[in-house]
Amino acid sequence: MSRHHTIDYIEIGVTDVDAAKGFYGTAFGWSFADAEVRPGGPLVVLYSDDVERSAAAVGEAGGTILKPIYPFPGGRRFHFADPAGNELAVWSAA
């Protein structure tokens, strides 16, 4: 089964980072990669075999690139808004 364009993970925004790390670390044994704290709901992140092709497809389908492709620990990603204004991200290990 291909993981291309499937939901790979969801980032959950919090206002008290230390409390969230304590809770999820204790309850589920999670480890963390810190991200920017921002208001709003969870950020759904899709995986892509070809992040450039995915970014082009988003634009061709009528989406808006909010953050162009950039490197981050573990790979590269970009953020986009769908026509309804929902923000999602796409990442690739390559």
Foldseek 3Di string as FASTA:
>chain_A
DDQAFPFDDKAAADDDVVVVCVVCCVPPVDDDDDDDHDDDGIATEGEHPDQVVVVVVCVVQPKAWPAPWDDDVQFIKTWIAHPVGDIYMYTYND
